[in-house]
Amino acid sequence: MHTENSISQLITSTAHHTERLLQLDNLHMQFPLTHNWRGQVTSVAHALNGVSLDIYRGETLGIVGESGCGKSTLAQVLMGLYTPTQGQIHWDSQRRNMQVVFQDPQSSLNPRLRVWQVITEPLYVQGLRERRELRARAAQLAAQVGIRPEYLDRFPHEFSGGQRQRIAIARALAPEPEIIILDEPTSALDISVQAQILNLLYELQKELQLTYVLITHDVAVVQHLSVRVAVMYLGQIVELGPTERLLSAPLHPYTQTLLDAVPQLNMGETPADLEIKEVELPSNKELPTGCVFYERCPIRQESCMAPQQLRPILNEAGHLLRCQVRAERWAMGQKSGKKHSATSSGLS
């Protein structure tokens, strides 16, 4: 049995990336909900429930899940907006420089500043105050993201949504970060503009050797940009692995039903025993003692009432799963010589 504290070693030993930038060790995040007359907390919301994860240089790690699964809270903890209730974040790099691109560029850009000031705002905060240097740096960054230099004296409201997101990306690039968190970076944009922004992010990553953490509910965006993907449910990572492998043959029941809801990624009709009637996440006020997906899972067994650990999948490098039933059935299928699909391995 692997403990949560050993997950980092499991990932490190099986991942294709070799230089780790960031290690998340058993993160928990609780938010107080109610207090008694003395001001003492009487109930909490469990937003993160033991998240352990490594982030490697130059990769794009996609984090997906339905609303309320904890992915946005994880992003906020990474950015330092919240201090985790339990667990630690370890940097393997000395720079510790992280920036973020938010979902809505209009609300994330200061409307009172001109574009060159918006782009160089992080540099100003860091102490660079020479106007000529700031404008020169803004022009350089604007060119990288496709904003014409003559537009630098305009205000954010004078741009389209896609252009504003380019400005936000330029601002994130300004302090030369190690990691950029992309928090739903295209969900507020039109479809045609989404593709342009995704292509821009991909080209910038190749050019600058950037590392992305992509927070999204859009599996198609993950497929386009991510190297690895982590699937979250009720504050836990239930499946983690290479994007192509995980999207083509998911093993966790929740991952499979999540992907079956996306038409372009649907690998076939959902088996009858994988139909989930409930559509909302259960309450995170009181966590189950066993599998967090137990109440909605169509293949649950008595053993699922025990805590489920994130464990490596047999013969699948870098693929981790928090489901004892599926892990055992996969191992049996591998030993019998069956192929990699969930259905052919008798996992349904």
Protein backbone atom coordinates (compact mmCIF):
# COMPACT_ATOMS: atom_id res chain seq x y z
CA MET A 1 0.00 0.00 0.00
CA HIS A 2 1.38 3.40 -0.97
CA THR A 3 0.85 6.34 1.35
CA GLU A 4 0.08 9.86 0.21
CA ASN A 5 3.59 10.93 1.27
CA SER A 6 5.12 8.50 -1.21
CA ILE A 7 3.19 9.83 -4.23
CA SER A 8 5.92 12.30 -5.11
CA GLN A 9 8.47 9.49 -5.35
CA LEU A 10 6.11 7.45 -7.51
CA ILE A 11 5.60 10.32 -9.93
CA THR A 12 9.27 11.21 -10.04
CA SER A 13 10.27 7.65 -10.84
CA THR A 14 7.78 7.26 -13.68
CA ALA A 15 7.44 10.71 -15.29
CA HIS A 16 9.17 11.55 -18.54
CA HIS A 17 10.30 14.93 -17.20
CA THR A 18 13.48 15.03 -15.12
CA GLU A 19 13.76 18.55 -13.68
CA ARG A 20 11.15 19.14 -11.03
CA LEU A 21 10.26 22.75 -10.26
CA LEU A 22 7.55 22.35 -7.67
CA GLN A 23 6.34 19.65 -5.30
CA LEU A 24 2.95 19.67 -3.62
CA ASP A 25 2.93 17.45 -0.55
CA ASN A 26 -0.46 16.34 0.87
CA LEU A 27 -2.21 19.72 0.57
CA HIS A 28 -5.43 20.30 2.48
CA MET A 29 -7.49 23.47 2.39
CA GLN A 30 -10.47 24.08 4.63
CA PHE A 31 -12.73 27.13 4.71
CA PRO A 32 -14.82 27.95 7.80
CA LEU A 33 -18.57 27.96 7.17
CA THR A 34 -20.25 28.52 10.55
CA HIS A 35 -19.21 29.72 14.00
CA ASN A 36 -20.74 29.41 17.46
CA TRP A 37 -21.47 32.33 19.75
CA ARG A 38 -17.85 32.28 20.94
CA GLY A 39 -16.54 32.70 17.43
CA GLN A 40 -15.26 29.13 17.24
CA VAL A 41 -15.53 27.33 13.90
CA THR A 42 -18.26 24.70 13.98
CA SER A 43 -18.22 23.54 10.35
CA VAL A 44 -15.84 23.79 7.41
CA ALA A 45 -15.77 23.17 3.67
CA HIS A 46 -13.05 20.73 2.64
CA ALA A 47 -11.82 22.25 -0.63
CA LEU A 48 -8.56 20.27 -0.96
CA ASN A 49 -8.18 16.84 0.59
CA GLY A 50 -4.65 15.52 0.24
CA VAL A 51 -3.31 16.79 -3.09
CA SER A 52 0.22 15.54 -3.84
CA LEU A 53 1.74 16.49 -7.17
CA ASP A 54 4.99 17.31 -8.94
CA ILE A 55 5.36 19.97 -11.64
CA TYR A 56 8.24 19.67 -14.13
CA ARG A 57 10.09 22.26 -16.18
CA GLY A 58 8.72 22.85 -19.67
CA GLU A 59 5.54 20.81 -19.29
CA THR A 60 1.89 21.78 -19.39
CA LEU A 61 -0.02 20.09 -16.59
CA GLY A 62 -3.77 20.20 -17.12
CA ILE A 63 -6.06 20.05 -14.10
CA VAL A 64 -9.67 19.21 -14.94
CA GLY A 65 -12.89 18.48 -13.12
CA GLU A 66 -16.42 19.76 -12.75
CA SER A 67 -17.28 22.95 -10.86
CA GLY A 68 -16.58 22.63 -7.15
CA CYS A 69 -13.91 19.93 -7.47
CA GLY A 70 -11.17 22.15 -6.00
CA LYS A 71 -9.12 23.02 -9.08
CA SER A 72 -9.50 26.80 -8.64
CA THR A 73 -8.68 26.54 -4.95
CA LEU A 74 -5.55 24.62 -5.88
CA ALA A 75 -4.57 27.43 -8.26
CA GLN A 76 -5.10 30.02 -5.51
CA VAL A 77 -2.98 28.01 -3.08
CA LEU A 78 -0.22 27.78 -5.69
CA MET A 79 -0.33 31.55 -6.18
CA GLY A 80 -0.03 32.12 -2.44
CA LEU A 81 -3.49 33.64 -2.06
CA TYR A 82 -4.31 30.97 0.52
CA THR A 83 -2.07 29.21 3.02
CA PRO A 84 -2.94 25.50 3.04
CA THR A 85 -4.50 24.18 6.22
CA GLN A 86 -2.18 21.19 6.02
CA GLY A 87 0.68 20.09 3.78
CA GLN A 88 3.56 21.92 2.14
CA ILE A 89 4.71 23.36 -1.18
CA HIS A 90 8.38 22.80 -1.98
CA TRP A 91 10.26 24.73 -4.67
CA ASP A 92 13.22 23.01 -6.28
CA SER A 93 14.10 26.24 -8.10
CA GLN A 94 15.69 29.28 -6.46
CA ARG A 95 13.66 31.81 -8.47
CA ARG A 96 10.22 30.86 -7.19
CA ASN A 97 8.61 33.12 -9.76
CA MET A 98 5.01 32.33 -10.63
CA GLN A 99 2.49 34.38 -12.60
CA VAL A 100 -1.13 33.86 -13.59
CA VAL A 101 -3.41 34.49 -16.56
CA PHE A 102 -7.01 34.77 -15.39
CA GLN A 103 -10.25 33.72 -17.04
CA ASP A 104 -11.70 37.19 -17.69
CA PRO A 105 -9.10 39.61 -19.08
CA GLN A 106 -11.40 42.61 -18.73
CA SER A 107 -11.74 42.27 -14.96
CA SER A 108 -8.07 41.31 -14.45
CA LEU A 109 -6.61 44.40 -16.17
CA ASN A 110 -6.50 47.77 -14.40
CA PRO A 111 -8.79 50.04 -16.49
CA ARG A 112 -7.00 53.18 -15.28
CA LEU A 113 -3.61 52.19 -16.66
CA ARG A 114 -2.43 52.41 -20.24
CA VAL A 115 -1.44 49.13 -21.86
CA TRP A 116 2.31 49.68 -21.47
CA GLN A 117 1.73 50.30 -17.75
CA VAL A 118 -0.48 47.21 -17.43
CA ILE A 119 2.14 45.00 -19.06
CA THR A 120 5.01 46.29 -16.91
CA GLU A 121 3.05 46.52 -13.65
CA PRO A 122 4.86 43.46 -12.15
CA LEU A 123 8.22 45.06 -12.96
CA TYR A 124 7.14 48.32 -11.34
CA VAL A 125 6.15 46.43 -8.20
CA GLN A 126 9.57 44.76 -8.21
CA GLY A 127 11.27 48.16 -8.20
CA LEU A 128 11.90 49.04 -11.85
CA ARG A 129 10.76 52.67 -12.05
CA GLU A 130 12.58 54.10 -15.09
CA ARG A 131 9.87 55.05 -17.58
CA ARG A 132 12.05 54.55 -20.66
CA GLU A 133 13.07 51.04 -19.60
CA LEU A 134 9.49 50.11 -18.78
CA ARG A 135 8.18 51.29 -22.14
CA ALA A 136 10.97 49.46 -23.99
CA ARG A 137 10.18 46.26 -22.12
CA ALA A 138 6.45 46.71 -22.77
CA ALA A 139 7.08 47.09 -26.51
CA GLN A 140 9.16 43.91 -26.54
CA LEU A 141 6.52 41.92 -24.68
CA ALA A 142 3.69 43.32 -26.79
CA ALA A 143 5.45 42.20 -29.94
CA GLN A 144 5.80 38.68 -28.50
CA VAL A 145 2.05 38.36 -28.01
CA GLY A 146 0.95 40.12 -31.21
CA ILE A 147 0.04 43.60 -29.92
CA ARG A 148 1.19 46.45 -32.16
CA PRO A 149 3.53 48.99 -30.48
CA GLU A 150 1.38 51.98 -31.46
CA TYR A 151 -1.39 50.57 -29.26
CA LEU A 152 0.63 50.76 -26.04
CA ASP A 153 -0.83 54.12 -25.01
CA ARG A 154 -4.42 52.89 -25.27
CA PHE A 155 -6.53 51.69 -22.34
CA PRO A 156 -7.71 48.06 -21.92
CA HIS A 157 -11.36 48.87 -22.73
CA GLU A 158 -10.31 49.91 -26.24
CA PHE A 159 -9.37 46.31 -27.12
CA SER A 160 -11.33 43.17 -27.97
CA GLY A 161 -11.50 40.24 -25.56
CA GLY A 162 -8.82 38.31 -27.41
CA GLN A 163 -6.49 41.32 -27.50
CA ARG A 164 -7.02 41.91 -23.77
CA GLN A 165 -6.06 38.32 -23.09
CA ARG A 166 -2.88 38.85 -25.12
CA ILE A 167 -2.13 41.85 -22.92
CA ALA A 168 -2.71 39.70 -19.83
CA ILE A 169 -0.30 37.10 -21.19
CA ALA A 170 2.32 39.80 -21.85
CA ARG A 171 1.94 41.02 -18.27
CA ALA A 172 2.46 37.47 -16.99
CA LEU A 173 5.63 37.17 -19.08
CA ALA A 174 7.12 40.45 -17.83
CA PRO A 175 8.96 39.14 -14.72
CA GLU A 176 10.22 36.05 -16.62
CA PRO A 177 8.36 33.49 -14.48
CA GLU A 178 9.26 29.85 -13.93
CA ILE A 179 5.59 28.80 -13.93
CA ILE A 180 2.46 30.41 -15.36
CA ILE A 181 -0.93 29.35 -14.05
CA LEU A 182 -3.56 29.49 -16.78
CA ASP A 183 -6.91 29.74 -14.99
CA GLU A 184 -9.56 29.04 -17.64
CA PRO A 185 -7.65 31.32 -20.07
CA THR A 186 -10.01 30.89 -23.03
CA SER A 187 -13.46 30.21 -21.55
CA ALA A 188 -14.54 33.89 -21.81
CA LEU A 189 -13.53 34.13 -25.48
CA ASP A 190 -15.22 33.29 -28.78
CA ILE A 191 -14.38 29.91 -30.31
CA SER A 192 -12.22 31.31 -33.11
CA VAL A 193 -10.30 33.52 -30.69
CA GLN A 194 -9.79 30.59 -28.30
CA ALA A 195 -7.78 28.75 -30.93
CA GLN A 196 -5.59 31.80 -31.53
CA ILE A 197 -4.82 32.20 -27.83
CA LEU A 198 -4.06 28.49 -27.39
CA ASN A 199 -1.69 28.58 -30.36
CA LEU A 200 -0.01 31.68 -28.94
CA LEU A 201 0.50 29.98 -25.56
CA TYR A 202 1.95 26.93 -27.29
CA GLU A 203 4.41 29.00 -29.35
CA LEU A 204 5.48 31.05 -26.31
CA GLN A 205 6.10 27.88 -24.35
CA LYS A 206 8.37 26.49 -27.06
CA GLU A 207 10.22 29.78 -27.44
CA LEU A 208 10.67 30.61 -23.75
CA GLN A 209 10.68 27.12 -22.20
CA LEU A 210 7.70 28.02 -20.03
CA THR A 211 5.94 25.72 -17.60
CA TYR A 212 2.14 25.90 -17.50
CA VAL A 213 -0.43 24.73 -14.98
CA LEU A 214 -3.70 24.76 -16.92
CA ILE A 215 -6.86 24.95 -14.79
CA THR A 216 -9.93 24.20 -16.89
CA HIS A 217 -13.18 22.30 -17.24
CA ASP A 218 -12.70 22.08 -21.01
CA VAL A 219 -11.20 18.71 -21.90
CA ALA A 220 -10.65 19.81 -25.50
CA VAL A 221 -8.34 22.60 -24.30
CA VAL A 222 -6.41 20.09 -22.22
CA GLN A 223 -6.08 17.81 -25.24
CA HIS A 224 -4.68 20.69 -27.31
CA LEU A 225 -2.14 22.04 -24.81
CA SER A 226 -1.32 19.60 -22.00
CA VAL A 227 1.37 16.95 -21.69
CA ARG A 228 -0.05 15.50 -18.48
CA VAL A 229 -3.49 15.80 -16.96
CA ALA A 230 -4.77 15.47 -13.40
CA VAL A 231 -8.47 14.75 -12.86
CA MET A 232 -9.88 16.19 -9.63
CA TYR A 233 -12.99 15.18 -7.73
CA LEU A 234 -14.07 16.51 -4.32
CA GLY A 235 -10.65 17.99 -3.57
CA GLN A 236 -8.61 14.94 -4.56
CA ILE A 237 -6.71 13.84 -7.64
CA VAL A 238 -8.45 10.65 -8.74
CA GLU A 239 -6.39 10.03 -11.88
CA LEU A 240 -3.12 11.43 -13.22
CA GLY A 241 -1.24 10.53 -16.35
CA PRO A 242 0.01 11.41 -19.84
CA THR A 243 -2.71 13.32 -21.68
CA GLU A 244 -2.94 11.08 -24.74
CA ARG A 245 -3.07 7.93 -22.65
CA LEU A 246 -5.58 9.22 -20.13
CA LEU A 247 -7.96 10.75 -22.68
CA SER A 248 -7.94 7.72 -24.97
CA ALA A 249 -8.38 5.06 -22.27
CA PRO A 250 -9.40 6.51 -18.88
CA LEU A 251 -9.49 4.12 -15.96
CA HIS A 252 -11.25 5.91 -13.12
CA PRO A 253 -15.07 5.73 -13.43
CA TYR A 254 -15.33 9.46 -12.90
CA THR A 255 -12.76 10.24 -15.61
CA GLN A 256 -14.57 8.00 -18.08
CA THR A 257 -17.96 9.59 -17.48
CA LEU A 258 -16.38 13.06 -17.59
CA LEU A 259 -14.91 12.34 -21.02
CA ASP A 260 -18.08 10.66 -22.28
CA ALA A 261 -19.84 14.02 -21.77
CA VAL A 262 -17.53 15.59 -24.40
CA PRO A 263 -18.83 14.64 -27.89
CA GLN A 264 -15.53 14.97 -29.77
CA LEU A 265 -13.72 12.83 -27.23
CA ASN A 266 -16.39 10.19 -26.76
CA MET A 267 -14.87 6.82 -27.57
CA GLY A 268 -18.27 5.12 -27.82
CA GLU A 269 -21.49 4.74 -25.93
CA THR A 270 -21.21 4.77 -22.17
CA PRO A 271 -21.75 1.25 -20.81
CA ALA A 272 -24.96 0.86 -18.85
CA ASP A 273 -23.08 0.16 -15.62
CA LEU A 274 -21.21 3.48 -15.94
CA GLU A 275 -24.25 5.73 -16.13
CA ILE A 276 -24.29 8.22 -13.29
CA LYS A 277 -27.68 9.64 -12.38
CA GLU A 278 -26.53 12.38 -10.01
CA VAL A 279 -24.98 15.38 -11.74
CA GLU A 280 -23.89 17.52 -8.79
CA LEU A 281 -20.89 17.06 -6.55
CA PRO A 282 -21.79 15.84 -3.06
CA SER A 283 -21.34 18.25 -0.16
CA ASN A 284 -17.77 18.85 0.95
CA LYS A 285 -18.83 19.67 4.50
CA GLU A 286 -18.42 16.05 5.62
CA LEU A 287 -16.04 13.90 3.62
CA PRO A 288 -16.63 10.17 3.19
CA THR A 289 -14.22 7.91 5.04
CA GLY A 290 -13.57 5.83 1.92
CA CYS A 291 -13.61 6.61 -1.78
CA VAL A 292 -14.82 10.17 -2.40
CA PHE A 293 -16.67 8.98 -5.52
CA TYR A 294 -18.41 6.12 -3.70
CA GLU A 295 -21.96 7.57 -3.65
CA ARG A 296 -21.99 8.20 -7.41
CA CYS A 297 -19.88 5.27 -8.57
CA PRO A 298 -21.73 2.59 -10.58
CA ILE A 299 -19.05 -0.10 -9.98
CA ARG A 300 -18.55 0.43 -6.25
CA GLN A 301 -17.79 -2.51 -4.01
CA GLU A 302 -17.54 -3.01 -0.28
CA SER A 303 -13.77 -2.51 -0.43
CA CYS A 304 -14.37 1.02 -1.75
CA MET A 305 -15.55 2.09 1.70
CA ALA A 306 -11.89 2.05 2.77
CA PRO A 307 -9.64 5.07 1.96
CA GLN A 308 -8.35 4.94 -1.62
CA GLN A 309 -4.72 5.77 -2.36
CA LEU A 310 -3.30 7.23 -5.55
CA ARG A 311 -1.20 4.37 -6.90
CA PRO A 312 0.74 3.58 -10.09
CA ILE A 313 -0.89 1.50 -12.83
CA LEU A 314 0.87 -1.70 -13.87
CA ASN A 315 2.99 -1.24 -17.03
CA GLU A 316 1.78 2.38 -17.49
CA ALA A 317 4.61 4.84 -16.80
CA GLY A 318 3.44 8.00 -15.06
CA HIS A 319 -0.19 6.86 -14.82
CA LEU A 320 -1.62 6.99 -11.29
CA LEU A 321 -5.12 5.97 -10.20
CA ARG A 322 -7.20 6.35 -7.03
CA CYS A 323 -9.49 3.35 -7.53
CA GLN A 324 -8.69 -0.05 -6.12
CA VAL A 325 -11.34 -1.84 -8.21
CA ARG A 326 -10.11 -0.49 -11.53
CA ALA A 327 -6.44 -0.95 -10.60
CA GLU A 328 -7.00 -4.62 -9.78
CA ARG A 329 -9.02 -5.26 -12.95
CA TRP A 330 -6.38 -3.52 -15.04
CA ALA A 331 -3.64 -5.68 -13.52
CA MET A 332 -5.69 -8.82 -14.23
CA GLY A 333 -6.22 -7.70 -17.83
CA GLN A 334 -2.50 -7.07 -18.28
CA LYS A 335 -1.60 -10.49 -16.93
CA SER A 336 -4.07 -12.14 -19.30
CA GLY A 337 -2.52 -10.28 -22.25
CA LYS A 338 -5.46 -8.01 -23.07
CA LYS A 339 -4.95 -4.58 -24.66
CA HIS A 340 -5.07 -1.07 -23.24
CA SER A 341 -8.67 0.02 -23.63
CA ALA A 342 -10.91 0.08 -20.61
CA THR A 343 -13.61 -2.03 -22.26
CA SER A 344 -11.26 -4.70 -23.61
CA SER A 345 -9.65 -5.09 -20.21
CA GLY A 346 -12.98 -5.90 -18.63
CA LEU A 347 -12.97 -2.76 -16.50
CA SER A 348 -16.52 -1.64 -17.15
